[in-house]
Amino acid sequence: METMKNMTPMAIAGAVGGRLIGAEHLPEAEITGVTIDSRKVTKGCLFVALPGERVDGHRFILQAIRDGAMLALAEREPEVPCPCILVESTRTALRDLAEYYLNQVNIPVVGITGSVGKTSTKEMIAAVLAKQFRVLKTEGNFNNEIGLPLTVFGIRPEHEIAVLEMGISDFGEMSRLARIARPDVCVITNIGTCHLENLGDRDGVFRAKTEVFSYMKEGGIAVLNGDDDKLRQVEAVKGRSPVFFGLQAANAAVTAEEIVSHGLYGTDFTLKIQNPVPCLKAAAGEAETFGEPETSGGGDRKPSAGEAGIRVHLSIPGAHMITDALAAAAVGLVFGIPPQKIVLGLEQARQVGGRQRMIQAETRTVIDDCYNANPMSMAAALQLLAQSTENQRTRRVAILGDMFELGADEKKLHYDTGVCAAACEIELLIFVGELAAWMKRGAEAERENRPAGEPEHQIIYYPTVDEALLSMESLLKPGDLILVKASHGMAFDRIVGKLTGERG
């Protein structure tokens, strides 16, 4: 079985500052993997016992060893002696070990953060880089202080580059994540109204997200959204000018023109490279580290006549996805990938489950976007729905729920989202949840302000998901196009399951 480079028991203990016990007869061999789930133990792996509110991993140490784990990482000695590394905090040790391991494998890292679009941007960047490199990318929601280390532990000798998503909700978290990742390229998608409960306002979000710069490698490059009013103020990161992408930014190196929306069937646009893009290979002076990109010369990549405009078709719906694609194109150029290959990667990119996933049910089409929500992503999803009709008989329906962690202005932000929803020409609006009552108020206020003679849109409210599940079916019609969106904690996957028969 394939092992992890330099991850022997003694090396692990040294990396986490732990004490190795019960290892007298333990072979000085590299472990085969790392897991925090005793049900996923494999022969020769390290089992990390994390304490939790409901389940304490220390209860499963002996079972993990019996099932083949080489040793455990723990905060206290097991009742029955077994190979173990004792540390003060297994959560901290997990991060320290991931930092150590990533340094051992020594491959370039693209770190991605931002308020909206992290996952779709990550998918597009990975698709672009995969045209020239063997890529490891963050899967699912493994973007926090536990998920990021577990993603890093998945790196194996065949991987040439890692694309790591980093999500935060408070100050200091990004520093802890970035210390693990130490990105060669830092991508920030935008600065929005997310996690305001802890971060206060957009200035706070900006400060928290840009903590990543402190741990960007020397010679690294920041790739930033030039359309964002906060990000475009960044003049330099560690002495280097950022690479900007965007639709309106005058200083954008990568932009899009001639945009044509096909609604649910994606978007066409012309990719333009209008300013030089520094190549990380040349900047780092380590050609062997980054492979051999198909580009001549070094330093800045200057757009040639052939690169002045390349037509792209994005199959992922939504005009806002163009910005994510521009970020991916910029990263591709930084790594020396030719524009033609970048376009192939963008056209092959796909969205992941729970994020604008199209489900064709027997009598209706559902846009499953219930993984997460904030005011920016709500507005983008509503605009997509408003622009997406198969024909004049298609009725558009939005089922919207509470958005969490918005802080002191949460009621106003929900109210404003309701105004936005009512302004989007959506025929049926269904609001679900305690805070969604403010969406309903905003939608009703917007409806009252509509000019006389314009068609009125139906507005329905349910306090809970259970109540919505009981009666919303009577409101729906065959052929409806239905958007389902709320913060993950609202469990709107139950609504998706009800509408599609997929689950729940």
Protein backbone atom coordinates (compact mmCIF):
# COMPACT_ATOMS: atom_id res chain seq x y z
CA MET A 1 0.00 0.00 0.00
CA GLU A 2 1.25 3.50 -0.89
CA THR A 3 2.72 5.41 2.04
CA MET A 4 2.98 9.10 2.96
CA LYS A 5 6.36 10.73 2.46
CA ASN A 6 8.43 11.06 5.68
CA MET A 7 5.38 10.34 7.86
CA THR A 8 6.94 7.86 10.29
CA PRO A 9 5.82 7.68 13.95
CA MET A 10 8.96 9.50 15.14
CA ALA A 11 8.62 12.18 12.46
CA ILE A 12 4.94 12.68 13.29
CA ALA A 13 5.67 13.00 17.00
CA GLY A 14 8.32 15.59 16.22
CA ALA A 15 6.05 17.54 13.89
CA VAL A 16 3.27 17.86 16.46
CA GLY A 17 5.44 18.16 19.56
CA GLY A 18 3.99 14.95 20.97
CA ARG A 19 5.21 12.06 23.10
CA LEU A 20 5.35 8.64 21.46
CA ILE A 21 4.30 5.78 23.77
CA GLY A 22 3.64 2.07 23.37
CA ALA A 23 5.76 1.97 20.24
CA GLU A 24 8.58 -0.34 21.34
CA HIS A 25 7.74 -2.89 18.66
CA LEU A 26 6.34 -0.41 16.13
CA PRO A 27 8.16 -0.52 12.78
CA GLU A 28 9.75 2.76 11.73
CA ALA A 29 7.60 2.83 8.62
CA GLU A 30 5.62 5.56 6.91
CA ILE A 31 1.88 5.63 7.57
CA THR A 32 -0.54 4.99 4.72
CA GLY A 33 -3.09 7.67 5.55
CA VAL A 34 -4.76 9.83 8.19
CA THR A 35 -8.36 9.57 9.35
CA ILE A 36 -10.54 11.04 12.10
CA ASP A 37 -13.31 8.51 11.45
CA SER A 38 -12.83 5.07 13.00
CA ARG A 39 -15.12 3.63 10.30
CA LYS A 40 -12.60 4.66 7.64
CA VAL A 41 -9.51 3.11 9.16
CA THR A 42 -7.16 1.45 6.67
CA LYS A 43 -4.16 -0.75 7.32
CA GLY A 44 -1.16 1.28 8.45
CA CYS A 45 -2.96 4.59 8.89
CA LEU A 46 -2.88 7.17 11.69
CA PHE A 47 -6.12 7.55 13.64
CA VAL A 48 -6.63 11.04 15.09
CA ALA A 49 -8.91 11.07 18.15
CA LEU A 50 -10.80 14.37 18.04
CA PRO A 51 -12.98 15.29 21.04
CA GLY A 52 -16.47 16.41 20.05
CA GLU A 53 -19.67 17.63 21.62
CA ARG A 54 -21.52 14.44 20.75
CA VAL A 55 -18.79 11.89 20.04
CA ASP A 56 -15.29 11.66 21.50
CA GLY A 57 -12.82 9.99 19.16
CA HIS A 58 -10.85 8.66 22.13
CA ARG A 59 -13.57 6.06 22.63
CA PHE A 60 -12.60 4.45 19.32
CA ILE A 61 -8.81 4.30 19.59
CA LEU A 62 -8.59 0.60 20.49
CA GLN A 63 -11.06 -0.34 17.77
CA ALA A 64 -9.03 1.66 15.24
CA ILE A 65 -5.84 -0.18 16.23
CA ARG A 66 -7.62 -3.54 15.99
CA ASP A 67 -8.85 -2.58 12.52
CA GLY A 68 -5.33 -1.93 11.28
CA ALA A 69 -4.31 1.61 12.27
CA MET A 70 -0.56 1.81 12.94
CA LEU A 71 -1.01 4.23 15.82
CA ALA A 72 -3.27 6.95 17.23
CA LEU A 73 -2.92 10.66 17.95
CA ALA A 74 -4.60 11.39 21.28
CA GLU A 75 -4.90 13.80 24.20
CA ARG A 76 -4.84 11.08 26.86
CA GLU A 77 -3.55 7.56 27.19
CA PRO A 78 -5.97 4.80 26.18
CA GLU A 79 -7.17 2.46 28.93
CA VAL A 80 -5.39 -0.42 27.19
CA PRO A 81 -1.80 0.37 26.12
CA CYS A 82 -1.30 0.76 22.37
CA PRO A 83 0.91 2.77 19.99
CA CYS A 84 0.00 6.38 20.55
CA ILE A 85 1.30 9.95 20.27
CA LEU A 86 0.10 12.12 23.13
CA VAL A 87 -0.48 15.83 22.56
CA GLU A 88 -2.24 18.64 24.39
CA SER A 89 -4.73 19.24 21.56
CA THR A 90 -5.40 16.83 18.70
CA ARG A 91 -7.08 19.63 16.72
CA THR A 92 -3.93 21.72 16.87
CA ALA A 93 -1.78 18.67 16.16
CA LEU A 94 -3.89 17.86 13.10
CA ARG A 95 -3.10 21.31 11.65
CA ASP A 96 0.58 21.07 12.60
CA LEU A 97 0.88 17.66 10.97
CA ALA A 98 -0.77 18.88 7.75
CA GLU A 99 1.67 21.80 7.61
CA TYR A 100 4.57 19.39 8.06
CA TYR A 101 3.32 16.95 5.42
CA LEU A 102 2.65 19.59 2.79
CA ASN A 103 6.21 20.77 3.28
CA GLN A 104 7.44 17.21 2.69
CA VAL A 105 5.58 16.71 -0.58
CA ASN A 106 6.64 20.19 -1.76
CA ILE A 107 4.19 20.84 -4.58
CA PRO A 108 2.78 24.25 -5.57
CA VAL A 109 -0.47 25.28 -3.91
CA VAL A 110 -3.33 27.46 -5.10
CA GLY A 111 -5.26 28.78 -2.10
CA ILE A 112 -8.80 30.02 -2.76
CA THR A 113 -10.99 32.12 -0.47
CA GLY A 114 -13.71 34.76 -0.74
CA SER A 115 -17.28 35.38 0.35
CA VAL A 116 -19.05 33.88 -2.67
CA GLY A 117 -17.98 31.53 -5.43
CA LYS A 118 -15.11 29.73 -3.70
CA THR A 119 -16.26 26.26 -4.68
CA SER A 120 -17.19 27.01 -8.29
CA THR A 121 -13.92 28.91 -8.73
CA LYS A 122 -12.03 25.98 -7.20
CA GLU A 123 -13.69 23.57 -9.61
CA MET A 124 -12.82 25.75 -12.61
CA ILE A 125 -9.22 26.30 -11.49
CA ALA A 126 -8.77 22.57 -10.98
CA ALA A 127 -10.27 21.84 -14.41
CA VAL A 128 -7.91 24.35 -16.07
CA LEU A 129 -4.80 23.14 -14.25
CA ALA A 130 -5.73 19.51 -15.00
CA LYS A 131 -5.06 20.20 -18.68
CA GLN A 132 -1.35 20.26 -17.83
CA PHE A 133 -0.84 18.96 -14.26
CA ARG A 134 -2.04 16.12 -12.04
CA VAL A 135 -4.22 17.99 -9.56
CA LEU A 136 -5.46 17.35 -6.04
CA LYS A 137 -8.39 19.57 -5.09
CA THR A 138 -10.61 20.14 -2.07
CA GLU A 139 -13.62 17.83 -2.17
CA GLY A 140 -17.02 18.62 -0.70
CA ASN A 141 -16.96 21.05 2.21
CA PHE A 142 -13.46 20.11 3.42
CA ASN A 143 -12.35 23.74 3.61
CA ASN A 144 -12.13 24.42 7.35
CA GLU A 145 -9.61 23.71 10.13
CA ILE A 146 -10.39 20.01 10.05
CA GLY A 147 -11.27 19.58 6.38
CA LEU A 148 -8.21 21.38 5.01
CA PRO A 149 -5.71 19.10 6.83
CA LEU A 150 -7.62 16.01 5.69
CA THR A 151 -7.48 17.29 2.11
CA VAL A 152 -3.72 17.85 2.41
CA PHE A 153 -3.24 14.29 3.69
CA GLY A 154 -4.70 13.08 0.40
CA ILE A 155 -1.66 14.29 -1.57
CA ARG A 156 0.34 11.44 -3.07
CA PRO A 157 3.46 11.20 -5.28
CA GLU A 158 1.43 11.44 -8.49
CA HIS A 159 0.05 14.88 -7.62
CA GLU A 160 1.84 17.89 -9.11
CA ILE A 161 -0.28 20.72 -7.73
CA ALA A 162 -2.89 21.24 -4.98
CA VAL A 163 -5.98 23.47 -5.27
CA LEU A 164 -7.17 24.19 -1.74
CA GLU A 165 -10.36 26.00 -0.77
CA MET A 166 -10.31 27.89 2.54
CA GLY A 167 -13.51 28.96 4.30
CA ILE A 168 -13.68 31.02 7.49
CA SER A 169 -16.19 32.70 9.77
CA ASP A 170 -13.98 34.59 12.25
CA PHE A 171 -10.72 36.46 12.61
CA GLY A 172 -7.62 34.31 13.00
CA GLU A 173 -9.07 31.29 11.16
CA MET A 174 -7.55 32.27 7.84
CA SER A 175 -4.12 32.63 9.43
CA ARG A 176 -4.37 29.10 10.81
CA LEU A 177 -5.50 27.72 7.45
CA ALA A 178 -2.96 29.67 5.41
CA ARG A 179 -0.17 28.54 7.71
CA ILE A 180 -0.98 25.00 6.59
CA ALA A 181 -1.42 25.77 2.90
CA ARG A 182 1.29 28.42 2.41
CA PRO A 183 -0.04 29.14 -1.09
CA ASP A 184 2.09 29.96 -4.11
CA VAL A 185 -1.01 31.63 -5.58
CA CYS A 186 -3.71 33.29 -3.46
CA VAL A 187 -7.11 33.73 -5.14
CA ILE A 188 -9.80 35.91 -3.53
CA THR A 189 -13.14 35.83 -5.35
CA ASN A 190 -14.82 38.79 -3.61
CA ILE A 191 -15.55 40.51 -0.30
CA GLY A 192 -19.23 40.20 0.58
CA THR A 193 -21.74 40.29 3.42
CA CYS A 194 -20.97 36.88 4.92
CA HIS A 195 -20.25 35.85 8.53
CA LEU A 196 -20.95 39.39 9.72
CA GLU A 197 -21.93 37.98 13.10
CA ASN A 198 -18.21 37.67 13.86
CA LEU A 199 -16.59 39.91 11.26
CA GLY A 200 -18.84 42.95 11.70
CA ASP A 201 -18.86 44.48 8.22
CA ARG A 202 -17.23 44.15 4.81
CA ASP A 203 -14.09 45.86 6.08
CA GLY A 204 -13.88 43.12 8.69
CA VAL A 205 -14.43 40.47 6.02
CA PHE A 206 -11.62 42.04 3.98
CA ARG A 207 -9.22 41.98 6.93
CA ALA A 208 -10.08 38.37 7.75
CA LYS A 209 -9.80 37.08 4.18
CA THR A 210 -6.53 38.89 3.46
CA GLU A 211 -4.86 37.24 6.45
CA VAL A 212 -3.95 34.66 3.78
CA PHE A 213 -1.34 37.05 2.38
CA SER A 214 0.81 36.71 5.49
CA TYR A 215 1.51 33.08 4.64
CA MET A 216 1.79 33.33 0.86
CA LYS A 217 5.19 32.05 -0.23
CA GLU A 218 7.88 34.51 -1.21
CA GLY A 219 7.64 35.07 -4.95
CA GLY A 220 3.97 34.08 -4.87
CA ILE A 221 1.20 35.87 -6.76
CA ALA A 222 -2.18 37.17 -5.59
CA VAL A 223 -5.04 36.77 -8.09
CA LEU A 224 -7.86 39.15 -7.15
CA ASN A 225 -11.28 40.25 -8.38
CA GLY A 226 -10.73 43.73 -9.77
CA ASP A 227 -14.48 44.38 -9.85
CA ASP A 228 -14.60 44.22 -6.04
CA ASP A 229 -14.24 47.66 -4.48
CA LYS A 230 -12.22 46.33 -1.54
CA LEU A 231 -9.90 44.02 -3.45
CA ARG A 232 -9.01 46.45 -6.22
CA GLN A 233 -7.41 48.69 -3.60
CA VAL A 234 -4.68 46.09 -3.01
CA GLU A 235 -1.58 47.52 -4.66
CA ALA A 236 0.98 44.87 -3.76
CA VAL A 237 1.31 41.62 -1.84
CA LYS A 238 4.81 40.82 -0.59
CA GLY A 239 6.25 43.31 -3.03
CA ARG A 240 4.42 42.03 -6.14
CA SER A 241 1.48 43.58 -7.94
CA PRO A 242 -1.65 41.38 -7.94
CA VAL A 243 -3.08 39.88 -11.11
CA PHE A 244 -6.61 41.25 -11.43
CA PHE A 245 -9.54 39.64 -13.24
CA GLY A 246 -12.99 41.08 -13.85
CA LEU A 247 -15.58 42.49 -16.20
CA GLN A 248 -15.34 46.21 -15.44
CA ALA A 249 -11.93 46.68 -13.83
CA ALA A 250 -9.63 48.86 -15.92
CA ASN A 251 -6.58 47.07 -14.55
CA ALA A 252 -7.89 43.55 -15.18
CA ALA A 253 -5.40 41.32 -16.97
CA VAL A 254 -8.15 38.86 -17.86
CA THR A 255 -11.65 39.91 -18.85
CA ALA A 256 -14.71 38.81 -20.85
CA GLU A 257 -16.59 40.45 -23.70
CA GLU A 258 -19.48 39.59 -26.04
CA ILE A 259 -21.39 37.74 -23.32
CA VAL A 260 -24.40 35.70 -24.42
CA SER A 261 -26.56 33.99 -21.78
CA HIS A 262 -28.33 30.73 -22.58
CA GLY A 263 -30.10 30.59 -19.22
CA LEU A 264 -29.94 27.14 -17.71
CA TYR A 265 -27.80 25.97 -20.60
CA GLY A 266 -24.83 28.13 -19.70
CA THR A 267 -23.11 31.20 -21.09
CA ASP A 268 -20.90 32.08 -24.04
CA PHE A 269 -18.27 34.81 -23.89
CA THR A 270 -15.01 35.92 -25.42
CA LEU A 271 -11.99 35.50 -23.13
CA LYS A 272 -9.62 38.46 -23.44
CA ILE A 273 -6.07 38.69 -22.10
CA GLN A 274 -5.50 42.42 -22.14
CA ASN A 275 -2.54 42.93 -19.80
CA PRO A 276 0.67 40.97 -19.14
CA VAL A 277 0.38 38.13 -16.61
CA PRO A 278 3.49 37.13 -14.63
CA CYS A 279 4.39 33.47 -14.94
CA LEU A 280 5.04 31.85 -11.57
CA LYS A 281 7.57 29.45 -13.10
CA ALA A 282 9.78 32.33 -14.19
CA ALA A 283 9.21 34.22 -10.97
CA ALA A 284 10.21 31.28 -8.81
CA GLY A 285 13.11 30.26 -11.01
CA GLU A 286 12.31 26.59 -10.44
CA ALA A 287 11.29 25.08 -13.74
CA GLU A 288 11.43 21.56 -12.40
CA THR A 289 8.96 22.34 -9.63
CA PHE A 290 6.23 23.53 -11.95
CA GLY A 291 6.68 21.24 -14.92
CA GLU A 292 7.35 22.52 -18.41
CA PRO A 293 4.51 24.84 -19.48
CA GLU A 294 4.05 25.17 -23.19
CA THR A 295 5.21 28.76 -23.41
CA SER A 296 8.31 30.40 -24.74
CA GLY A 297 10.43 32.80 -22.78
CA GLY A 298 9.87 33.84 -19.21
CA GLY A 299 8.72 36.74 -17.11
CA ASP A 300 5.40 38.21 -18.21
CA ARG A 301 3.03 36.53 -20.61
CA LYS A 302 1.98 39.16 -23.14
CA PRO A 303 -1.22 38.66 -25.10
CA SER A 304 -0.51 37.95 -28.75
CA ALA A 305 -2.85 38.60 -31.62
CA GLY A 306 -4.01 35.00 -31.44
CA GLU A 307 -4.86 35.45 -27.76
CA ALA A 308 -6.77 38.68 -28.28
CA GLY A 309 -10.05 36.82 -27.96
CA ILE A 310 -11.06 33.16 -27.62
CA ARG A 311 -14.68 32.07 -27.55
CA VAL A 312 -15.71 30.08 -24.45
CA HIS A 313 -18.87 28.14 -23.60
CA LEU A 314 -19.52 27.64 -19.88
CA SER A 315 -22.00 24.86 -19.23
CA ILE A 316 -22.48 25.98 -15.62
CA PRO A 317 -25.46 28.37 -15.66
CA GLY A 318 -25.37 31.92 -14.36
CA ALA A 319 -23.70 35.07 -15.65
CA HIS A 320 -21.84 35.38 -12.32
CA MET A 321 -19.93 32.22 -13.22
CA ILE A 322 -18.01 34.21 -15.83
CA THR A 323 -16.10 35.98 -13.06
CA ASP A 324 -15.15 32.61 -11.56
CA ALA A 325 -13.98 31.48 -14.99
CA LEU A 326 -11.83 34.60 -15.34
CA ALA A 327 -10.17 33.80 -12.01
CA ALA A 328 -9.41 30.30 -13.28
CA ALA A 329 -8.04 31.66 -16.54
CA ALA A 330 -5.76 34.03 -14.65
CA VAL A 331 -4.42 31.18 -12.51
CA GLY A 332 -3.84 29.09 -15.62
CA LEU A 333 -1.79 31.88 -17.17
CA VAL A 334 0.21 32.29 -13.96
CA PHE A 335 1.19 28.62 -14.26
CA GLY A 336 2.10 29.03 -17.93
CA ILE A 337 -0.83 27.13 -19.43
CA PRO A 338 -1.62 28.20 -23.03
CA PRO A 339 -4.95 30.00 -23.51
CA GLN A 340 -6.30 27.27 -25.77
CA LYS A 341 -5.85 24.69 -23.00
CA ILE A 342 -7.37 27.09 -20.48
CA VAL A 343 -10.51 27.32 -22.60
CA LEU A 344 -10.73 23.51 -22.83
CA GLY A 345 -10.53 23.29 -19.04
CA LEU A 346 -13.23 25.91 -18.53
CA GLU A 347 -15.55 24.18 -20.94
CA GLN A 348 -15.10 20.87 -19.13
CA ALA A 349 -15.70 22.31 -15.64
CA ARG A 350 -18.81 21.15 -13.81
CA GLN A 351 -20.67 22.35 -10.71
CA VAL A 352 -20.84 20.23 -7.55
CA GLY A 353 -23.95 19.02 -5.73
CA GLY A 354 -25.99 21.53 -3.74
CA ARG A 355 -24.65 24.48 -5.74
CA GLN A 356 -26.94 25.31 -8.67
CA ARG A 357 -27.25 21.64 -9.55
CA MET A 358 -29.92 21.12 -12.19
CA ILE A 359 -32.32 18.26 -11.46
CA GLN A 360 -34.86 17.28 -14.09
CA ALA A 361 -37.70 15.68 -12.12
CA GLU A 362 -40.72 14.01 -13.66
CA THR A 363 -42.92 17.11 -13.79
CA ARG A 364 -40.57 20.01 -12.98
CA THR A 365 -37.02 21.30 -13.09
CA VAL A 366 -35.29 22.05 -9.78
CA ILE A 367 -32.23 24.23 -9.24
CA ASP A 368 -30.67 22.71 -6.11
CA ASP A 369 -28.69 25.55 -4.53
CA CYS A 370 -29.31 24.68 -0.89
CA TYR A 371 -25.73 24.14 0.23
CA ASN A 372 -25.30 27.69 1.50
CA ALA A 373 -26.62 31.23 1.12
CA ASN A 374 -25.80 34.86 1.71
CA PRO A 375 -27.19 38.07 0.20
CA MET A 376 -24.73 38.07 -2.72
CA SER A 377 -25.32 34.46 -3.72
CA MET A 378 -29.08 34.86 -3.25
CA ALA A 379 -29.12 37.80 -5.67
CA ALA A 380 -27.07 35.89 -8.24
CA ALA A 381 -29.33 32.82 -8.00
CA LEU A 382 -32.48 34.92 -8.32
CA GLN A 383 -31.12 36.67 -11.40
CA LEU A 384 -30.33 33.29 -12.95
CA LEU A 385 -33.86 32.09 -12.27
CA ALA A 386 -35.38 35.29 -13.67
CA GLN A 387 -33.43 34.87 -16.91
CA SER A 388 -34.17 31.16 -17.28
CA THR A 389 -37.41 30.23 -18.98
CA GLU A 390 -37.87 27.42 -21.49
CA ASN A 391 -40.88 29.19 -23.01
CA GLN A 392 -43.58 31.65 -22.04
CA ARG A 393 -45.54 28.92 -20.25
CA THR A 394 -42.70 28.10 -17.84
CA ARG A 395 -43.45 29.46 -14.39
CA ARG A 396 -40.54 30.47 -12.18
CA VAL A 397 -40.68 29.61 -8.48
CA ALA A 398 -38.19 30.55 -5.75
CA ILE A 399 -38.21 28.73 -2.40
CA LEU A 400 -35.92 30.76 -0.15
CA GLY A 401 -34.90 30.30 3.47
CA ASP A 402 -32.92 31.89 6.27
CA MET A 403 -29.34 33.06 5.78
CA PHE A 404 -27.20 32.61 8.88
CA GLU A 405 -24.29 34.50 10.48
CA LEU A 406 -25.23 37.93 9.11
CA GLY A 407 -24.82 39.77 12.40
CA ALA A 408 -26.69 42.83 13.63
CA ASP A 409 -28.08 43.71 10.19
CA GLU A 410 -29.54 40.27 9.52
CA LYS A 411 -33.16 41.49 9.40
CA LYS A 412 -32.38 44.28 6.94
CA LEU A 413 -30.30 41.96 4.76
CA HIS A 414 -33.19 39.50 4.61
CA TYR A 415 -35.61 42.34 3.88
CA ASP A 416 -33.38 43.55 1.03
CA THR A 417 -33.19 40.02 -0.38
CA GLY A 418 -37.00 39.93 -0.41
CA VAL A 419 -37.03 43.20 -2.33
CA CYS A 420 -34.55 41.72 -4.80
CA ALA A 421 -36.66 38.57 -5.21
CA ALA A 422 -39.84 40.53 -5.93
CA ALA A 423 -37.99 42.73 -8.44
CA CYS A 424 -36.78 39.70 -10.39
CA GLU A 425 -40.08 38.94 -12.11
CA ILE A 426 -40.47 35.55 -10.42
CA GLU A 427 -44.07 34.36 -10.44
CA LEU A 428 -44.16 32.50 -7.10
CA LEU A 429 -42.05 33.34 -4.06
CA ILE A 430 -42.09 30.94 -1.10
CA PHE A 431 -40.21 32.07 2.02
CA VAL A 432 -39.42 29.60 4.79
CA GLY A 433 -37.94 30.26 8.24
CA GLU A 434 -37.90 32.76 11.08
CA LEU A 435 -35.65 35.30 9.35
CA ALA A 436 -37.32 34.66 6.01
CA ALA A 437 -40.33 36.51 7.41
CA TRP A 438 -38.27 39.64 6.72
CA MET A 439 -37.79 38.50 3.13
CA LYS A 440 -41.57 38.29 2.88
CA ARG A 441 -41.92 41.85 4.18
CA GLY A 442 -39.40 43.13 1.66
CA ALA A 443 -41.08 41.30 -1.21
CA GLU A 444 -44.49 42.64 -0.22
CA ALA A 445 -43.15 46.20 0.00
CA GLU A 446 -41.60 45.88 -3.46
CA ARG A 447 -44.85 44.48 -4.83
CA GLU A 448 -46.82 47.43 -3.45
CA ASN A 449 -44.47 49.83 -5.24
CA ARG A 450 -44.97 48.22 -8.63
CA PRO A 451 -46.71 50.35 -11.28
CA ALA A 452 -50.40 49.69 -11.78
CA GLY A 453 -51.17 47.13 -14.44
CA GLU A 454 -48.08 44.99 -13.98
CA PRO A 455 -48.76 41.34 -13.05
CA GLU A 456 -48.65 40.61 -9.33
CA HIS A 457 -46.55 37.77 -8.05
CA GLN A 458 -47.74 35.32 -5.43
CA ILE A 459 -45.93 35.49 -2.09
CA ILE A 460 -46.23 32.64 0.44
CA TYR A 461 -44.62 32.25 3.86
CA TYR A 462 -44.01 29.23 6.11
CA PRO A 463 -42.36 29.53 9.55
CA THR A 464 -40.69 26.10 9.30
CA VAL A 465 -39.50 23.57 6.74
CA ASP A 466 -41.94 21.01 8.16
CA GLU A 467 -44.87 23.32 7.46
CA ALA A 468 -43.62 24.01 3.96
CA LEU A 469 -43.28 20.30 3.23
CA LEU A 470 -46.87 19.71 4.33
CA SER A 471 -48.56 22.13 1.95
CA MET A 472 -46.28 23.67 -0.65
CA GLU A 473 -46.96 20.89 -3.17
CA SER A 474 -50.47 22.29 -3.71
CA LEU A 475 -48.94 25.57 -4.90
CA LEU A 476 -46.79 24.00 -7.60
CA LYS A 477 -47.68 23.14 -11.18
CA PRO A 478 -46.29 20.77 -13.79
CA GLY A 479 -43.50 22.41 -15.76
CA ASP A 480 -42.39 24.78 -12.97
CA LEU A 481 -38.77 25.86 -12.79
CA ILE A 482 -37.94 25.94 -9.07
CA LEU A 483 -34.98 27.48 -7.25
CA VAL A 484 -34.32 26.09 -3.75
CA LYS A 485 -31.84 28.10 -1.68
CA ALA A 486 -31.01 28.76 1.97
CA SER A 487 -28.16 28.39 4.43
CA HIS A 488 -27.11 24.79 4.97
CA GLY A 489 -28.47 24.70 8.51
CA MET A 490 -32.02 25.14 7.21
CA ALA A 491 -31.90 21.56 5.85
CA PHE A 492 -33.44 22.57 2.53
CA ASP A 493 -32.17 19.31 1.07
CA ARG A 494 -35.40 17.92 2.50
CA ILE A 495 -37.31 20.27 0.20
CA VAL A 496 -35.17 19.25 -2.77
CA GLY A 497 -35.89 15.61 -1.94
CA LYS A 498 -39.61 16.26 -1.74
CA LEU A 499 -39.65 18.04 -5.09
CA THR A 500 -37.49 15.54 -6.94
CA GLY A 501 -37.96 12.24 -5.15
CA GLU A 502 -34.16 11.97 -4.81
CA ARG A 503 -34.00 11.86 -1.03
CA GLY A 504 -35.77 12.67 2.18
